[in-house]
Amino acid sequence: MLRTAPRMAVFVFRENRVPYYQRLFQQHDGKRQWYKTSRSGWVMYPYLISVYGMGVACTYAMGRMVFVSKPFAHGSINARYHKTRVEPDPV
């Protein structure tokens, strides 16, 4: 689809932000690159919550699977494999 001339002109006459970001990212202020801008928290904090949250959840689930005899199902899975044989009453 072809763009019209007025729509393309928006990008032509836009302010050049490259020098601003070059100065920002080349400052030696002790910050990591992904924390330099004011909007970094909107991206980084949900990301870090999801990464560390999934790590904790996976570690918890692994611990349950290893250390608990009947994980998550409260015996419904193990009951299929450990049925006791019931003998009929003698008549």
C-alpha atoms as a PDB file:
ATOM      1  CA  MET A   1       0.000   0.000   0.000  1.00  0.00           C
ATOM      2  CA  LEU A   2       1.374   3.395  -0.956  1.00  0.00           C
ATOM      3  CA  ARG A   3       1.465   6.139   1.604  1.00  0.00           C
ATOM      4  CA  THR A   4       0.204   9.571   0.824  1.00  0.00           C
ATOM      5  CA  ALA A   5       2.544  12.569   0.792  1.00  0.00           C
ATOM      6  CA  PRO A   6       1.166  14.300   3.945  1.00  0.00           C
ATOM      7  CA  ARG A   7       1.520  11.115   5.963  1.00  0.00           C
ATOM      8  CA  MET A   8       5.122  10.644   4.858  1.00  0.00           C
ATOM      9  CA  ALA A   9       5.965  14.272   5.663  1.00  0.00           C
ATOM     10  CA  VAL A  10       5.497  13.623   9.377  1.00  0.00           C
ATOM     11  CA  PHE A  11       8.651  11.533   9.463  1.00  0.00           C
ATOM     12  CA  VAL A  12      10.613  13.879   7.202  1.00  0.00           C
ATOM     13  CA  PHE A  13      10.219  16.975   9.388  1.00  0.00           C
ATOM     14  CA  ARG A  14      10.528  15.245  12.716  1.00  0.00           C
ATOM     15  CA  GLU A  15      13.131  16.249  15.301  1.00  0.00           C
ATOM     16  CA  ASN A  16      16.322  14.204  15.152  1.00  0.00           C
ATOM     17  CA  ARG A  17      16.575  12.392  18.502  1.00  0.00           C
ATOM     18  CA  VAL A  18      19.789  10.491  17.701  1.00  0.00           C
ATOM     19  CA  PRO A  19      22.200  13.013  19.325  1.00  0.00           C
ATOM     20  CA  TYR A  20      20.040  13.083  22.473  1.00  0.00           C
ATOM     21  CA  TYR A  21      20.099   9.295  22.817  1.00  0.00           C
ATOM     22  CA  GLN A  22      23.815   9.148  21.988  1.00  0.00           C
ATOM     23  CA  ARG A  23      24.573  11.537  24.853  1.00  0.00           C
ATOM     24  CA  LEU A  24      22.193   9.660  27.143  1.00  0.00           C
ATOM     25  CA  PHE A  25      23.629   6.207  26.499  1.00  0.00           C
ATOM     26  CA  GLN A  26      27.272   7.328  26.456  1.00  0.00           C
ATOM     27  CA  GLN A  27      27.126   8.940  29.892  1.00  0.00           C
ATOM     28  CA  HIS A  28      29.178   7.114  32.481  1.00  0.00           C
ATOM     29  CA  ASP A  29      26.664   7.400  35.300  1.00  0.00           C
ATOM     30  CA  GLY A  30      26.893   3.829  36.589  1.00  0.00           C
ATOM     31  CA  LYS A  31      23.480   2.781  35.275  1.00  0.00           C
ATOM     32  CA  ARG A  32      22.926  -0.252  33.127  1.00  0.00           C
ATOM     33  CA  GLN A  33      21.871   0.405  29.549  1.00  0.00           C
ATOM     34  CA  TRP A  34      18.347  -0.938  30.081  1.00  0.00           C
ATOM     35  CA  TYR A  35      17.743   1.455  33.005  1.00  0.00           C
ATOM     36  CA  LYS A  36      18.898   4.674  31.287  1.00  0.00           C
ATOM     37  CA  THR A  37      15.590   6.077  30.023  1.00  0.00           C
ATOM     38  CA  SER A  38      12.648   7.249  32.095  1.00  0.00           C
ATOM     39  CA  ARG A  39      10.402   4.560  30.568  1.00  0.00           C
ATOM     40  CA  SER A  40      12.706   1.662  31.425  1.00  0.00           C
ATOM     41  CA  GLY A  41      10.735   0.666  34.503  1.00  0.00           C
ATOM     42  CA  TRP A  42       7.592   0.067  32.462  1.00  0.00           C
ATOM     43  CA  VAL A  43       9.421  -2.661  30.559  1.00  0.00           C
ATOM     44  CA  MET A  44      11.929  -4.011  33.055  1.00  0.00           C
ATOM     45  CA  TYR A  45       9.840  -4.454  36.205  1.00  0.00           C
ATOM     46  CA  PRO A  46       7.113  -6.656  34.618  1.00  0.00           C
ATOM     47  CA  TYR A  47       9.873  -8.617  32.887  1.00  0.00           C
ATOM     48  CA  LEU A  48      11.808  -9.166  36.119  1.00  0.00           C
ATOM     49  CA  ILE A  49       8.642 -10.108  38.013  1.00  0.00           C
ATOM     50  CA  SER A  50       7.767 -12.696  35.374  1.00  0.00           C
ATOM     51  CA  VAL A  51      11.301 -14.141  35.193  1.00  0.00           C
ATOM     52  CA  TYR A  52      11.848 -14.424  38.944  1.00  0.00           C
ATOM     53  CA  GLY A  53       8.228 -15.424  39.533  1.00  0.00           C
ATOM     54  CA  MET A  54       8.502 -18.301  37.066  1.00  0.00           C
ATOM     55  CA  GLY A  55      11.808 -19.331  38.632  1.00  0.00           C
ATOM     56  CA  VAL A  56      10.235 -19.461  42.086  1.00  0.00           C
ATOM     57  CA  ALA A  57       7.152 -21.291  40.771  1.00  0.00           C
ATOM     58  CA  CYS A  58       9.248 -23.890  38.937  1.00  0.00           C
ATOM     59  CA  THR A  59      11.481 -24.427  41.961  1.00  0.00           C
ATOM     60  CA  TYR A  60       8.428 -24.838  44.195  1.00  0.00           C
ATOM     61  CA  ALA A  61       6.840 -27.323  41.769  1.00  0.00           C
ATOM     62  CA  MET A  62      10.085 -29.277  41.477  1.00  0.00           C
ATOM     63  CA  GLY A  63      10.376 -29.447  45.254  1.00  0.00           C
ATOM     64  CA  ARG A  64       6.807 -30.701  45.491  1.00  0.00           C
ATOM     65  CA  MET A  65       7.467 -33.385  42.890  1.00  0.00           C
ATOM     66  CA  VAL A  66      10.656 -34.550  44.591  1.00  0.00           C
ATOM     67  CA  PHE A  67       9.861 -34.299  48.293  1.00  0.00           C
ATOM     68  CA  VAL A  68       6.097 -34.895  48.488  1.00  0.00           C
ATOM     69  CA  SER A  69       4.760 -38.378  47.873  1.00  0.00           C
ATOM     70  CA  LYS A  70       1.491 -37.295  46.246  1.00  0.00           C
ATOM     71  CA  PRO A  71       2.122 -34.086  44.307  1.00  0.00           C
ATOM     72  CA  PHE A  72      -0.713 -31.736  43.387  1.00  0.00           C
ATOM     73  CA  ALA A  73      -3.349 -34.420  42.792  1.00  0.00           C
ATOM     74  CA  HIS A  74      -3.896 -35.476  46.432  1.00  0.00           C
ATOM     75  CA  GLY A  75      -3.657 -39.155  45.574  1.00  0.00           C
ATOM     76  CA  SER A  76      -5.860 -39.310  42.485  1.00  0.00           C
ATOM     77  CA  ILE A  77      -2.929 -40.128  40.187  1.00  0.00           C
ATOM     78  CA  ASN A  78      -1.251 -42.590  42.546  1.00  0.00           C
ATOM     79  CA  ALA A  79      -4.513 -44.366  43.292  1.00  0.00           C
ATOM     80  CA  ARG A  80      -4.610 -45.783  39.757  1.00  0.00           C
ATOM     81  CA  TYR A  81      -1.230 -47.444  40.109  1.00  0.00           C
ATOM     82  CA  HIS A  82      -1.501 -48.690  43.692  1.00  0.00           C
ATOM     83  CA  LYS A  83      -4.865 -50.396  43.736  1.00  0.00           C
ATOM     84  CA  THR A  84      -5.211 -53.128  46.276  1.00  0.00           C
ATOM     85  CA  ARG A  85      -6.682 -56.374  45.142  1.00  0.00           C
ATOM     86  CA  VAL A  86      -9.950 -57.158  46.861  1.00  0.00           C
ATOM     87  CA  GLU A  87     -10.830 -60.833  47.132  1.00  0.00           C
ATOM     88  CA  PRO A  88     -14.501 -61.764  46.928  1.00  0.00           C
ATOM     89  CA  ASP A  89     -16.110 -63.103  50.093  1.00  0.00           C
ATOM     90  CA  PRO A  90     -16.313 -66.900  50.175  1.00  0.00           C
ATOM     91  CA  VAL A  91     -19.875 -68.117  49.998  1.00  0.00           C
END
